[in-house]
């Protein structure tokens, strides 16, 4: 396979490399987006559970490997703030994903145009 690639013109090799880089970046963005969505779901579930607890309930917050006593109001505020931050991050990642998908599609189209004369002449 790499032998076939080395026979391609340098411009086509560069486009192929660029396409591979874009695809890797897209995979990374998708993984980050999935992680953010999972964390967001976890935060939402935690807020829901906190709402069910009494105002004077004893609440503990994880700090590394320790559990520290905390006030329900402060924990709720922190979680709501974290959720807003995650929503923003999710929107940024969605825009990145959209832009990368467009770039991948464009790169694939250009590469197909570059390779179409090569594949028809080799048959």
PDB file of N, CA and C in Angstrom:
ATOM      1  N   UNK A   1       0.823  -1.190   0.000  1.00  0.00           N
ATOM      2  CA  UNK A   1       0.000   0.000   0.000  1.00  0.00           C
ATOM      3  C   UNK A   1       0.865   1.251   0.000  1.00  0.00           C
ATOM      4  N   UNK A   2       1.883   1.288   0.867  1.00  0.00           N
ATOM      5  CA  UNK A   2       2.749   2.464   0.919  1.00  0.00           C
ATOM      6  C   UNK A   2       3.537   2.611  -0.375  1.00  0.00           C
ATOM      7  N   UNK A   3       3.772   1.490  -1.079  1.00  0.00           N
ATOM      8  CA  UNK A   3       4.442   1.544  -2.374  1.00  0.00           C
ATOM      9  C   UNK A   3       3.568   2.280  -3.387  1.00  0.00           C
ATOM     10  N   UNK A   4       2.262   2.014  -3.341  1.00  0.00           N
ATOM     11  CA  UNK A   4       1.326   2.702  -4.231  1.00  0.00           C
ATOM     12  C   UNK A   4       1.277   4.193  -3.901  1.00  0.00           C
ATOM     13  N   UNK A   5       1.304   4.517  -2.615  1.00  0.00           N
ATOM     14  CA  UNK A   5       1.260   5.909  -2.184  1.00  0.00           C
ATOM     15  C   UNK A   5       2.499   6.660  -2.659  1.00  0.00           C
ATOM     16  N   UNK A   6       3.658   6.011  -2.587  1.00  0.00           N
ATOM     17  CA  UNK A   6       4.898   6.679  -2.992  1.00  0.00           C
ATOM     18  C   UNK A   6       4.931   6.970  -4.488  1.00  0.00           C
ATOM     19  N   UNK A   7       4.107   6.260  -5.269  1.00  0.00           N
ATOM     20  CA  UNK A   7       4.044   6.507  -6.710  1.00  0.00           C
ATOM     21  C   UNK A   7       3.133   7.690  -7.052  1.00  0.00           C
ATOM     22  N   UNK A   8       2.365   8.138  -6.077  1.00  0.00           N
ATOM     23  CA  UNK A   8       1.459   9.274  -6.302  1.00  0.00           C
ATOM     24  C   UNK A   8       2.254  10.573  -6.383  1.00  0.00           C
ATOM     25  N   UNK A   9       1.726  11.556  -7.106  1.00  0.00           N
ATOM     26  CA  UNK A   9       2.384  12.871  -7.144  1.00  0.00           C
ATOM     27  C   UNK A   9       2.450  13.481  -5.744  1.00  0.00           C
ATOM     28  N   UNK A  10       3.457  14.303  -5.473  1.00  0.00           N
ATOM     29  CA  UNK A  10       3.622  14.895  -4.135  1.00  0.00           C
ATOM     30  C   UNK A  10       2.381  15.647  -3.647  1.00  0.00           C
ATOM     31  N   UNK A  11       1.712  16.355  -4.542  1.00  0.00           N
ATOM     32  CA  UNK A  11       0.510  17.112  -4.154  1.00  0.00           C
ATOM     33  C   UNK A  11      -0.589  16.167  -3.656  1.00  0.00           C
ATOM     34  N   UNK A  12      -0.750  15.049  -4.317  1.00  0.00           N
ATOM     35  CA  UNK A  12      -1.763  14.062  -3.927  1.00  0.00           C
ATOM     36  C   UNK A  12      -1.367  13.418  -2.599  1.00  0.00           C
ATOM     37  N   UNK A  13      -0.069  13.130  -2.432  1.00  0.00           N
ATOM     38  CA  UNK A  13       0.410  12.571  -1.162  1.00  0.00           C
ATOM     39  C   UNK A  13       0.102  13.526  -0.013  1.00  0.00           C
ATOM     40  N   UNK A  14       0.321  14.816  -0.244  1.00  0.00           N
ATOM     41  CA  UNK A  14       0.052  15.818   0.792  1.00  0.00           C
ATOM     42  C   UNK A  14      -1.432  15.871   1.128  1.00  0.00           C
ATOM     43  N   UNK A  15      -2.268  15.810   0.101  1.00  0.00           N
ATOM     44  CA  UNK A  15      -3.721  15.824   0.346  1.00  0.00           C
ATOM     45  C   UNK A  15      -4.166  14.588   1.123  1.00  0.00           C
ATOM     46  N   UNK A  16      -3.576  13.461   0.783  1.00  0.00           N
ATOM     47  CA  UNK A  16      -3.905  12.222   1.491  1.00  0.00           C
ATOM     48  C   UNK A  16      -3.496  12.329   2.959  1.00  0.00           C
ATOM     49  N   UNK A  17      -2.311  12.842   3.198  1.00  0.00           N
ATOM     50  CA  UNK A  17      -1.824  13.030   4.561  1.00  0.00           C
ATOM     51  C   UNK A  17      -2.736  13.999   5.321  1.00  0.00           C
ATOM     52  N   UNK A  18      -3.112  15.084   4.660  1.00  0.00           N
ATOM     53  CA  UNK A  18      -3.999  16.090   5.277  1.00  0.00           C
ATOM     54  C   UNK A  18      -5.342  15.451   5.631  1.00  0.00           C
ATOM     55  N   UNK A  19      -5.873  14.634   4.744  1.00  0.00           N
ATOM     56  CA  UNK A  19      -7.140  13.948   5.009  1.00  0.00           C
ATOM     57  C   UNK A  19      -7.016  13.045   6.237  1.00  0.00           C
ATOM     58  N   UNK A  20      -5.920  12.312   6.318  1.00  0.00           N
ATOM     59  CA  UNK A  20      -5.715  11.426   7.469  1.00  0.00           C
ATOM     60  C   UNK A  20      -5.625  12.236   8.766  1.00  0.00           C
ATOM     61  N   UNK A  21      -4.930  13.365   8.713  1.00  0.00           N
ATOM     62  CA  UNK A  21      -4.819  14.226   9.906  1.00  0.00           C
ATOM     63  C   UNK A  21      -6.178  14.765  10.317  1.00  0.00           C
ATOM     64  N   UNK A  22      -6.974  15.199   9.333  1.00  0.00           N
ATOM     65  CA  UNK A  22      -8.315  15.711   9.630  1.00  0.00           C
ATOM     66  C   UNK A  22      -9.184  14.626  10.260  1.00  0.00           C
ATOM     67  N   UNK A  23      -9.084  13.413   9.728  1.00  0.00           N
ATOM     68  CA  UNK A  23      -9.875  12.306  10.274  1.00  0.00           C
ATOM     69  C   UNK A  23      -9.468  11.980  11.707  1.00  0.00           C
ATOM     70  N   UNK A  24      -8.168  12.032  11.993  1.00  0.00           N
ATOM     71  CA  UNK A  24      -7.696  11.785  13.355  1.00  0.00           C
ATOM     72  C   UNK A  24      -8.185  12.884  14.301  1.00  0.00           C
ATOM     73  N   UNK A  25      -8.108  14.122  13.838  1.00  0.00           N
ATOM     74  CA  UNK A  25      -8.576  15.236  14.662  1.00  0.00           C
ATOM     75  C   UNK A  25     -10.072  15.111  14.931  1.00  0.00           C
ATOM     76  N   UNK A  26     -10.819  14.725  13.910  1.00  0.00           N
ATOM     77  CA  UNK A  26     -12.259  14.532  14.068  1.00  0.00           C
ATOM     78  C   UNK A  26     -12.543  13.446  15.100  1.00  0.00           C
ATOM     79  N   UNK A  27     -11.806  12.343  15.043  1.00  0.00           N
ATOM     80  CA  UNK A  27     -11.996  11.266  16.026  1.00  0.00           C
ATOM     81  C   UNK A  27     -11.712  11.757  17.449  1.00  0.00           C
ATOM     82  N   UNK A  28     -10.689  12.571  17.585  1.00  0.00           N
ATOM     83  CA  UNK A  28     -10.345  13.135  18.889  1.00  0.00           C
ATOM     84  C   UNK A  28     -11.458  14.045  19.405  1.00  0.00           C
ATOM     85  N   UNK A  29     -11.989  14.883  18.531  1.00  0.00           N
ATOM     86  CA  UNK A  29     -13.084  15.790  18.915  1.00  0.00           C
ATOM     87  C   UNK A  29     -14.317  14.985  19.307  1.00  0.00           C
ATOM     88  N   UNK A  30     -14.618  13.941  18.553  1.00  0.00           N
ATOM     89  CA  UNK A  30     -15.768  13.088  18.877  1.00  0.00           C
ATOM     90  C   UNK A  30     -15.604  12.413  20.238  1.00  0.00           C
ATOM     91  N   UNK A  31     -14.397  11.976  20.539  1.00  0.00           N
ATOM     92  CA  UNK A  31     -14.129  11.346  21.839  1.00  0.00           C
ATOM     93  C   UNK A  31     -14.297  12.363  22.965  1.00  0.00           C
ATOM     94  N   UNK A  32     -13.778  13.573  22.759  1.00  0.00           N
ATOM     95  CA  UNK A  32     -13.933  14.630  23.766  1.00  0.00           C
ATOM     96  C   UNK A  32     -15.401  14.976  23.970  1.00  0.00           C
ATOM     97  N   UNK A  33     -16.127  15.062  22.871  1.00  0.00           N
ATOM     98  CA  UNK A  33     -17.552  15.401  22.934  1.00  0.00           C
ATOM     99  C   UNK A  33     -18.324  14.334  23.721  1.00  0.00           C
ATOM    100  N   UNK A  34     -18.004  13.071  23.462  1.00  0.00           N
ATOM    101  CA  UNK A  34     -18.653  11.974  24.180  1.00  0.00           C
ATOM    102  C   UNK A  34     -18.341  12.049  25.678  1.00  0.00           C
ATOM    103  N   UNK A  35     -17.102  12.353  26.006  1.00  0.00           N
ATOM    104  CA  UNK A  35     -16.702  12.461  27.405  1.00  0.00           C
ATOM    105  C   UNK A  35     -17.447  13.612  28.095  1.00  0.00           C
ATOM    106  N   UNK A  36     -17.565  14.744  27.419  1.00  0.00           N
ATOM    107  CA  UNK A  36     -18.274  15.901  27.968  1.00  0.00           C
ATOM    108  C   UNK A  36     -19.747  15.552  28.182  1.00  0.00           C
ATOM    109  N   UNK A  37     -20.339  14.874  27.220  1.00  0.00           N
ATOM    110  CA  UNK A  37     -21.752  14.499  27.339  1.00  0.00           C
ATOM    111  C   UNK A  37     -21.973  13.541  28.514  1.00  0.00           C
ATOM    112  N   UNK A  38     -21.046  12.616  28.700  1.00  0.00           N
ATOM    113  CA  UNK A  38     -21.163  11.686  29.836  1.00  0.00           C
ATOM    114  C   UNK A  38     -21.060  12.436  31.161  1.00  0.00           C
ATOM    115  N   UNK A  39     -20.105  13.357  31.236  1.00  0.00           N
ATOM    116  CA  UNK A  39     -19.938  14.133  32.464  1.00  0.00           C
ATOM    117  C   UNK A  39     -21.162  15.008  32.721  1.00  0.00           C
ATOM    118  N   UNK A  40     -21.703  15.578  31.658  1.00  0.00           N
ATOM    119  CA  UNK A  40     -22.891  16.420  31.785  1.00  0.00           C
ATOM    120  C   UNK A  40     -24.073  15.607  32.335  1.00  0.00           C
ATOM    121  N   UNK A  41     -24.240  14.399  31.824  1.00  0.00           N
ATOM    122  CA  UNK A  41     -25.307  13.513  32.309  1.00  0.00           C
ATOM    123  C   UNK A  41     -25.110  13.191  33.791  1.00  0.00           C
ATOM    124  N   UNK A  42     -23.859  12.931  34.170  1.00  0.00           N
ATOM    125  CA  UNK A  42     -23.542  12.625  35.566  1.00  0.00           C
ATOM    126  C   UNK A  42     -23.877  13.820  36.467  1.00  0.00           C
ATOM    127  N   UNK A  43     -23.527  15.014  36.026  1.00  0.00           N
ATOM    128  CA  UNK A  43     -23.801  16.227  36.803  1.00  0.00           C
ATOM    129  C   UNK A  43     -25.310  16.429  36.941  1.00  0.00           C
ATOM    130  N   UNK A  44     -26.053  16.223  35.848  1.00  0.00           N
ATOM    131  CA  UNK A  44     -27.510  16.374  35.881  1.00  0.00           C
ATOM    132  C   UNK A  44     -28.140  15.391  36.866  1.00  0.00           C
ATOM    133  N   UNK A  45     -27.658  14.157  36.850  1.00  0.00           N
ATOM    134  CA  UNK A  45     -28.178  13.140  37.767  1.00  0.00           C
ATOM    135  C   UNK A  45     -27.865  13.514  39.221  1.00  0.00           C
ATOM    136  N   UNK A  46     -26.684  14.048  39.450  1.00  0.00           N
ATOM    137  CA  UNK A  46     -26.282  14.447  40.796  1.00  0.00           C
ATOM    138  C   UNK A  46     -27.165  15.590  41.298  1.00  0.00           C
ATOM    139  N   UNK A  47     -27.415  16.574  40.437  1.00  0.00           N
ATOM    140  CA  UNK A  47     -28.280  17.704  40.808  1.00  0.00           C
ATOM    141  C   UNK A  47     -29.683  17.196  41.129  1.00  0.00           C
ATOM    142  N   UNK A  48     -30.183  16.275  40.329  1.00  0.00           N
ATOM    143  CA  UNK A  48     -31.508  15.699  40.561  1.00  0.00           C
ATOM    144  C   UNK A  48     -31.572  15.015  41.925  1.00  0.00           C
ATOM    145  N   UNK A  49     -30.545  14.247  42.252  1.00  0.00           N
ATOM    146  CA  UNK A  49     -30.498  13.560  43.546  1.00  0.00           C
ATOM    147  C   UNK A  49     -30.398  14.564  44.697  1.00  0.00           C
ATOM    148  N   UNK A  50     -29.614  15.620  44.488  1.00  0.00           N
ATOM    149  CA  UNK A  50     -29.482  16.656  45.526  1.00  0.00           C
ATOM    150  C   UNK A  50     -30.816  17.339  45.809  1.00  0.00           C
ATOM    151  N   UNK A  51     -31.600  17.541  44.766  1.00  0.00           N
ATOM    152  CA  UNK A  51     -32.906  18.183  44.937  1.00  0.00           C
ATOM    153  C   UNK A  51     -33.843  17.331  45.789  1.00  0.00           C
ATOM    154  N   UNK A  52     -33.633  16.043  45.755  1.00  0.00           N
ATOM    155  CA  UNK A  52     -34.469  15.120  46.525  1.00  0.00           C
ATOM    156  C   UNK A  52     -34.102  15.090  48.008  1.00  0.00           C
ATOM    157  N   UNK A  53     -32.900  15.551  48.351  1.00  0.00           N
ATOM    158  CA  UNK A  53     -32.454  15.478  49.741  1.00  0.00           C
ATOM    159  C   UNK A  53     -32.956  16.676  50.537  1.00  0.00           C
ATOM    160  N   UNK A  54     -33.064  16.477  51.836  1.00  0.00           N
ATOM    161  CA  UNK A  54     -33.510  17.540  52.729  1.00  0.00           C
ATOM    162  C   UNK A  54     -32.456  18.650  52.782  1.00  0.00           C
ATOM    163  N   UNK A  55     -32.906  19.860  53.077  1.00  0.00           N
ATOM    164  CA  UNK A  55     -31.998  21.007  53.118  1.00  0.00           C
ATOM    165  C   UNK A  55     -30.909  20.831  54.187  1.00  0.00           C
ATOM    166  N   UNK A  56     -31.243  20.154  55.278  1.00  0.00           N
ATOM    167  CA  UNK A  56     -30.271  19.989  56.357  1.00  0.00           C
ATOM    168  C   UNK A  56     -29.511  18.654  56.277  1.00  0.00           C
ATOM    169  N   UNK A  57     -29.659  17.960  55.163  1.00  0.00           N
ATOM    170  CA  UNK A  57     -28.969  16.667  54.991  1.00  0.00           C
ATOM    171  C   UNK A  57     -27.460  16.886  54.972  1.00  0.00           C
ATOM    172  N   UNK A  58     -26.749  15.894  55.484  1.00  0.00           N
ATOM    173  CA  UNK A  58     -25.288  15.953  55.470  1.00  0.00           C
ATOM    174  C   UNK A  58     -24.827  15.490  54.090  1.00  0.00           C
ATOM    175  N   UNK A  59     -24.069  16.356  53.440  1.00  0.00           N
ATOM    176  CA  UNK A  59     -23.591  16.089  52.085  1.00  0.00           C
ATOM    177  C   UNK A  59     -22.057  16.037  52.118  1.00  0.00           C
ATOM    178  N   UNK A  60     -21.501  15.109  51.371  1.00  0.00           N
ATOM    179  CA  UNK A  60     -20.050  15.014  51.263  1.00  0.00           C
ATOM    180  C   UNK A  60     -19.644  15.199  49.806  1.00  0.00           C
ATOM    181  N   UNK A  61     -18.519  15.849  49.635  1.00  0.00           N
ATOM    182  CA  UNK A  61     -17.984  16.133  48.306  1.00  0.00           C
ATOM    183  C   UNK A  61     -16.643  15.416  48.176  1.00  0.00           C
ATOM    184  N   UNK A  62     -16.440  14.787  47.026  1.00  0.00           N
ATOM    185  CA  UNK A  62     -15.164  14.112  46.776  1.00  0.00           C
ATOM    186  C   UNK A  62     -14.095  15.147  46.446  1.00  0.00           C
ATOM    187  N   UNK A  63     -12.963  15.030  47.121  1.00  0.00           N
ATOM    188  CA  UNK A  63     -11.804  15.873  46.846  1.00  0.00           C
ATOM    189  C   UNK A  63     -10.606  14.938  46.762  1.00  0.00           C
ATOM    190  N   UNK A  64     -10.328  14.488  45.552  1.00  0.00           N
ATOM    191  CA  UNK A  64      -9.279  13.478  45.398  1.00  0.00           C
ATOM    192  C   UNK A  64      -9.745  12.172  45.996  1.00  0.00           C
ATOM    193  N   UNK A  65      -8.987  11.639  46.914  1.00  0.00           N
ATOM    194  CA  UNK A  65      -9.374  10.382  47.552  1.00  0.00           C
ATOM    195  C   UNK A  65     -10.105  10.610  48.877  1.00  0.00           C
ATOM    196  N   UNK A  66     -10.409  11.872  49.189  1.00  0.00           N
ATOM    197  CA  UNK A  66     -11.104  12.211  50.432  1.00  0.00           C
ATOM    198  C   UNK A  66     -12.554  12.607  50.172  1.00  0.00           C
ATOM    199  N   UNK A  67     -13.377  12.422  51.194  1.00  0.00           N
ATOM    200  CA  UNK A  67     -14.737  12.955  51.174  1.00  0.00           C
ATOM    201  C   UNK A  67     -14.790  14.068  52.216  1.00  0.00           C
ATOM    202  N   UNK A  68     -15.244  15.231  51.793  1.00  0.00           N
ATOM    203  CA  UNK A  68     -15.278  16.400  52.669  1.00  0.00           C
ATOM    204  C   UNK A  68     -16.723  16.847  52.829  1.00  0.00           C
ATOM    205  N   UNK A  69     -17.086  17.153  54.064  1.00  0.00           N
ATOM    206  CA  UNK A  69     -18.439  17.622  54.347  1.00  0.00           C
ATOM    207  C   UNK A  69     -18.634  18.967  53.648  1.00  0.00           C
ATOM    208  N   UNK A  70     -19.811  19.145  53.035  1.00  0.00           N
ATOM    209  CA  UNK A  70     -20.077  20.379  52.291  1.00  0.00           C
ATOM    210  C   UNK A  70     -21.540  20.769  52.438  1.00  0.00           C
ATOM    211  N   UNK A  71     -21.820  22.030  52.144  1.00  0.00           N
ATOM    212  CA  UNK A  71     -23.194  22.526  52.219  1.00  0.00           C
ATOM    213  C   UNK A  71     -23.914  22.228  50.906  1.00  0.00           C
ATOM    214  N   UNK A  72     -25.165  21.815  51.025  1.00  0.00           N
ATOM    215  CA  UNK A  72     -25.966  21.448  49.862  1.00  0.00           C
ATOM    216  C   UNK A  72     -26.062  22.606  48.871  1.00  0.00           C
ATOM    217  N   UNK A  73     -26.273  23.814  49.364  1.00  0.00           N
ATOM    218  CA  UNK A  73     -26.434  24.987  48.499  1.00  0.00           C
ATOM    219  C   UNK A  73     -25.163  25.228  47.677  1.00  0.00           C
ATOM    220  N   UNK A  74     -24.016  25.163  48.344  1.00  0.00           N
ATOM    221  CA  UNK A  74     -22.749  25.399  47.640  1.00  0.00           C
ATOM    222  C   UNK A  74     -22.470  24.319  46.607  1.00  0.00           C
ATOM    223  N   UNK A  75     -22.742  23.088  46.974  1.00  0.00           N
ATOM    224  CA  UNK A  75     -22.519  21.975  46.045  1.00  0.00           C
ATOM    225  C   UNK A  75     -23.435  22.129  44.832  1.00  0.00           C
ATOM    226  N   UNK A  76     -24.684  22.480  45.073  1.00  0.00           N
ATOM    227  CA  UNK A  76     -25.642  22.672  43.978  1.00  0.00           C
ATOM    228  C   UNK A  76     -25.172  23.788  43.054  1.00  0.00           C
ATOM    229  N   UNK A  77     -24.718  24.894  43.638  1.00  0.00           N
ATOM    230  CA  UNK A  77     -24.212  26.010  42.833  1.00  0.00           C
ATOM    231  C   UNK A  77     -23.015  25.567  41.981  1.00  0.00           C
ATOM    232  N   UNK A  78     -22.098  24.837  42.589  1.00  0.00           N
ATOM    233  CA  UNK A  78     -20.922  24.340  41.859  1.00  0.00           C
ATOM    234  C   UNK A  78     -21.333  23.436  40.699  1.00  0.00           C
ATOM    235  N   UNK A  79     -22.310  22.563  40.953  1.00  0.00           N
ATOM    236  CA  UNK A  79     -22.747  21.634  39.917  1.00  0.00           C
ATOM    237  C   UNK A  79     -23.455  22.358  38.771  1.00  0.00           C
ATOM    238  N   UNK A  80     -24.275  23.349  39.105  1.00  0.00           N
ATOM    239  CA  UNK A  80     -24.964  24.125  38.068  1.00  0.00           C
ATOM    240  C   UNK A  80     -23.940  24.876  37.215  1.00  0.00           C
ATOM    241  N   UNK A  81     -22.935  25.436  37.882  1.00  0.00           N
ATOM    242  CA  UNK A  81     -21.859  26.135  37.165  1.00  0.00           C
ATOM    243  C   UNK A  81     -21.089  25.161  36.278  1.00  0.00           C
ATOM    244  N   UNK A  82     -20.819  23.983  36.800  1.00  0.00           N
ATOM    245  CA  UNK A  82     -20.098  22.958  36.027  1.00  0.00           C
ATOM    246  C   UNK A  82     -20.916  22.542  34.805  1.00  0.00           C
ATOM    247  N   UNK A  83     -22.228  22.401  34.997  1.00  0.00           N
ATOM    248  CA  UNK A  83     -23.107  22.015  33.892  1.00  0.00           C
ATOM    249  C   UNK A  83     -23.087  23.088  32.796  1.00  0.00           C
ATOM    250  N   UNK A  84     -23.122  24.354  33.184  1.00  0.00           N
ATOM    251  CA  UNK A  84     -23.073  25.451  32.211  1.00  0.00           C
ATOM    252  C   UNK A  84     -21.756  25.419  31.444  1.00  0.00           C
ATOM    253  N   UNK A  85     -20.666  25.179  32.155  1.00  0.00           N
ATOM    254  CA  UNK A  85     -19.354  25.077  31.521  1.00  0.00           C
ATOM    255  C   UNK A  85     -19.321  23.908  30.526  1.00  0.00           C
ATOM    256  N   UNK A  86     -19.892  22.785  30.923  1.00  0.00           N
ATOM    257  CA  UNK A  86     -19.943  21.617  30.049  1.00  0.00           C
ATOM    258  C   UNK A  86     -20.819  21.873  28.825  1.00  0.00           C
ATOM    259  N   UNK A  87     -21.924  22.600  29.012  1.00  0.00           N
ATOM    260  CA  UNK A  87     -22.779  22.954  27.876  1.00  0.00           C
ATOM    261  C   UNK A  87     -22.015  23.804  26.872  1.00  0.00           C
ATOM    262  N   UNK A  88     -21.261  24.765  27.381  1.00  0.00           N
ATOM    263  CA  UNK A  88     -20.457  25.625  26.509  1.00  0.00           C
ATOM    264  C   UNK A  88     -19.415  24.793  25.772  1.00  0.00           C
ATOM    265  N   UNK A  89     -18.748  23.934  26.500  1.00  0.00           N
ATOM    266  CA  UNK A  89     -17.716  23.069  25.901  1.00  0.00           C
ATOM    267  C   UNK A  89     -18.335  22.163  24.835  1.00  0.00           C
ATOM    268  N   UNK A  90     -19.517  21.657  25.120  1.00  0.00           N
ATOM    269  CA  UNK A  90     -20.211  20.793  24.174  1.00  0.00           C
ATOM    270  C   UNK A  90     -20.541  21.541  22.878  1.00  0.00           C
ATOM    271  N   UNK A  91     -20.978  22.783  23.008  1.00  0.00           N
ATOM    272  CA  UNK A  91     -21.299  23.595  21.829  1.00  0.00           C
ATOM    273  C   UNK A  91     -20.045  23.871  21.005  1.00  0.00           C
ATOM    274  N   UNK A  92     -18.937  24.174  21.682  1.00  0.00           N
ATOM    275  CA  UNK A  92     -17.667  24.424  20.984  1.00  0.00           C
ATOM    276  C   UNK A  92     -17.235  23.168  20.228  1.00  0.00           C
ATOM    277  N   UNK A  93     -17.320  22.023  20.881  1.00  0.00           N
ATOM    278  CA  UNK A  93     -16.931  20.767  20.247  1.00  0.00           C
ATOM    279  C   UNK A  93     -17.851  20.431  19.069  1.00  0.00           C
ATOM    280  N   UNK A  94     -19.134  20.740  19.199  1.00  0.00           N
ATOM    281  CA  UNK A  94     -20.077  20.484  18.103  1.00  0.00           C
ATOM    282  C   UNK A  94     -19.717  21.340  16.886  1.00  0.00           C
ATOM    283  N   UNK A  95     -19.338  22.596  17.133  1.00  0.00           N
ATOM    284  CA  UNK A  95     -18.921  23.467  16.016  1.00  0.00           C
ATOM    285  C   UNK A  95     -17.632  22.949  15.384  1.00  0.00           C
ATOM    286  N   UNK A  96     -16.699  22.503  16.233  1.00  0.00           N
ATOM    287  CA  UNK A  96     -15.453  21.926  15.713  1.00  0.00           C
ATOM    288  C   UNK A  96     -15.746  20.693  14.870  1.00  0.00           C
ATOM    289  N   UNK A  97     -16.636  19.850  15.377  1.00  0.00           N
ATOM    290  CA  UNK A  97     -16.995  18.627  14.659  1.00  0.00           C
ATOM    291  C   UNK A  97     -17.583  18.971  13.293  1.00  0.00           C
ATOM    292  N   UNK A  98     -18.488  19.922  13.280  1.00  0.00           N
ATOM    293  CA  UNK A  98     -19.134  20.326  12.030  1.00  0.00           C
ATOM    294  C   UNK A  98     -18.097  20.848  11.023  1.00  0.00           C
ATOM    295  N   UNK A  99     -17.197  21.695  11.499  1.00  0.00           N
ATOM    296  CA  UNK A  99     -16.165  22.261  10.631  1.00  0.00           C
ATOM    297  C   UNK A  99     -15.232  21.155  10.105  1.00  0.00           C
ATOM    298  N   UNK A 100     -14.845  20.239  10.991  1.00  0.00           N
ATOM    299  CA  UNK A 100     -13.952  19.142  10.584  1.00  0.00           C
ATOM    300  C   UNK A 100     -14.625  18.206   9.587  1.00  0.00           C
ATOM    301  N   UNK A 101     -15.903  17.915   9.814  1.00  0.00           N
ATOM    302  CA  UNK A 101     -16.626  17.047   8.872  1.00  0.00           C
ATOM    303  C   UNK A 101     -16.655  17.688   7.481  1.00  0.00           C
ATOM    304  N   UNK A 102     -16.862  18.985   7.452  1.00  0.00           N
ATOM    305  CA  UNK A 102     -16.872  19.719   6.189  1.00  0.00           C
ATOM    306  C   UNK A 102     -15.498  19.660   5.520  1.00  0.00           C
ATOM    307  N   UNK A 103     -14.447  19.854   6.314  1.00  0.00           N
ATOM    308  CA  UNK A 103     -13.084  19.810   5.774  1.00  0.00           C
ATOM    309  C   UNK A 103     -12.734  18.406   5.272  1.00  0.00           C
ATOM    310  N   UNK A 104     -13.163  17.388   5.990  1.00  0.00           N
ATOM    311  CA  UNK A 104     -12.907  16.007   5.570  1.00  0.00           C
ATOM    312  C   UNK A 104     -13.611  15.739   4.244  1.00  0.00           C
ATOM    313  N   UNK A 105     -14.862  16.163   4.158  1.00  0.00           N
ATOM    314  CA  UNK A 105     -15.629  15.954   2.924  1.00  0.00           C
ATOM    315  C   UNK A 105     -14.952  16.662   1.749  1.00  0.00           C
ATOM    316  N   UNK A 106     -14.525  17.887   1.972  1.00  0.00           N
ATOM    317  CA  UNK A 106     -13.845  18.656   0.926  1.00  0.00           C
ATOM    318  C   UNK A 106     -12.535  17.974   0.514  1.00  0.00           C
ATOM    319  N   UNK A 107     -11.769  17.521   1.496  1.00  0.00           N
ATOM    320  CA  UNK A 107     -10.496  16.849   1.219  1.00  0.00           C
ATOM    321  C   UNK A 107     -10.734  15.549   0.447  1.00  0.00           C
ATOM    322  N   UNK A 108     -11.786  14.819   0.811  1.00  0.00           N
ATOM    323  CA  UNK A 108     -12.100  13.570   0.109  1.00  0.00           C
ATOM    324  C   UNK A 108     -12.469  13.853  -1.346  1.00  0.00           C
ATOM    325  N   UNK A 109     -13.256  14.903  -1.549  1.00  0.00           N
ATOM    326  CA  UNK A 109     -13.670  15.267  -2.914  1.00  0.00           C
ATOM    327  C   UNK A 109     -12.459  15.624  -3.766  1.00  0.00           C
ATOM    328  N   UNK A 110     -11.567  16.454  -3.222  1.00  0.00           N
ATOM    329  CA  UNK A 110     -10.364  16.849  -3.970  1.00  0.00           C
ATOM    330  C   UNK A 110      -9.481  15.653  -4.261  1.00  0.00           C
ATOM    331  N   UNK A 111      -9.364  14.765  -3.279  1.00  0.00           N
ATOM    332  CA  UNK A 111      -8.539  13.576  -3.455  1.00  0.00           C
ATOM    333  C   UNK A 111      -9.139  12.663  -4.527  1.00  0.00           C
ATOM    334  N   UNK A 112     -10.444  12.517  -4.523  1.00  0.00           N
ATOM    335  CA  UNK A 112     -11.100  11.694  -5.546  1.00  0.00           C
ATOM    336  C   UNK A 112     -10.877  12.284  -6.941  1.00  0.00           C
ATOM    337  N   UNK A 113     -10.926  13.611  -7.015  1.00  0.00           N
ATOM    338  CA  UNK A 113     -10.673  14.270  -8.305  1.00  0.00           C
ATOM    339  C   UNK A 113      -9.230  14.021  -8.741  1.00  0.00           C
ATOM    340  N   UNK A 114      -8.313  14.085  -7.784  1.00  0.00           N
ATOM    341  CA  UNK A 114      -6.902  13.839  -8.100  1.00  0.00           C
ATOM    342  C   UNK A 114      -6.670  12.398  -8.541  1.00  0.00           C
ATOM    343  N   UNK A 115      -7.362  11.469  -7.913  1.00  0.00           N
ATOM    344  CA  UNK A 115      -7.117  10.050  -8.161  1.00  0.00           C
ATOM    345  C   UNK A 115      -7.921   9.487  -9.328  1.00  0.00           C
ATOM    346  N   UNK A 116      -8.974  10.134  -9.735  1.00  0.00           N
ATOM    347  CA  UNK A 116      -9.806   9.579 -10.811  1.00  0.00           C
ATOM    348  C   UNK A 116      -9.028   9.364 -12.108  1.00  0.00           C
ATOM    349  N   UNK A 117      -8.168  10.284 -12.559  1.00  0.00           N
ATOM    350  CA  UNK A 117      -7.395   9.976 -13.765  1.00  0.00           C
ATOM    351  C   UNK A 117      -6.399   8.828 -13.546  1.00  0.00           C
ATOM    352  N   UNK A 118      -5.858   8.756 -12.325  1.00  0.00           N
ATOM    353  CA  UNK A 118      -4.874   7.710 -12.009  1.00  0.00           C
ATOM    354  C   UNK A 118      -5.541   6.342 -12.056  1.00  0.00           C
ATOM    355  N   UNK A 119      -6.734   6.208 -11.448  1.00  0.00           N
ATOM    356  CA  UNK A 119      -7.383   4.911 -11.393  1.00  0.00           C
ATOM    357  C   UNK A 119      -7.905   4.489 -12.758  1.00  0.00           C
ATOM    358  N   UNK A 120      -8.351   5.435 -13.574  1.00  0.00           N
ATOM    359  CA  UNK A 120      -8.853   5.043 -14.896  1.00  0.00           C
ATOM    360  C   UNK A 120      -7.722   4.671 -15.857  1.00  0.00           C
ATOM    361  N   UNK A 121      -6.560   5.289 -15.670  1.00  0.00           N
ATOM    362  CA  UNK A 121      -5.439   4.972 -16.562  1.00  0.00           C
ATOM    363  C   UNK A 121      -4.742   3.667 -16.166  1.00  0.00           C
ATOM    364  N   UNK A 122      -4.918   3.236 -14.929  1.00  0.00           N
ATOM    365  CA  UNK A 122      -4.266   1.998 -14.482  1.00  0.00           C
ATOM    366  C   UNK A 122      -5.082   0.764 -14.823  1.00  0.00           C
ATOM    367  N   UNK A 123      -6.314   0.939 -15.288  1.00  0.00           N
ATOM    368  CA  UNK A 123      -7.161  -0.219 -15.583  1.00  0.00           C
ATOM    369  C   UNK A 123      -6.975  -0.706 -16.978  1.00  0.00           C
TER     370      UNK A 123
END
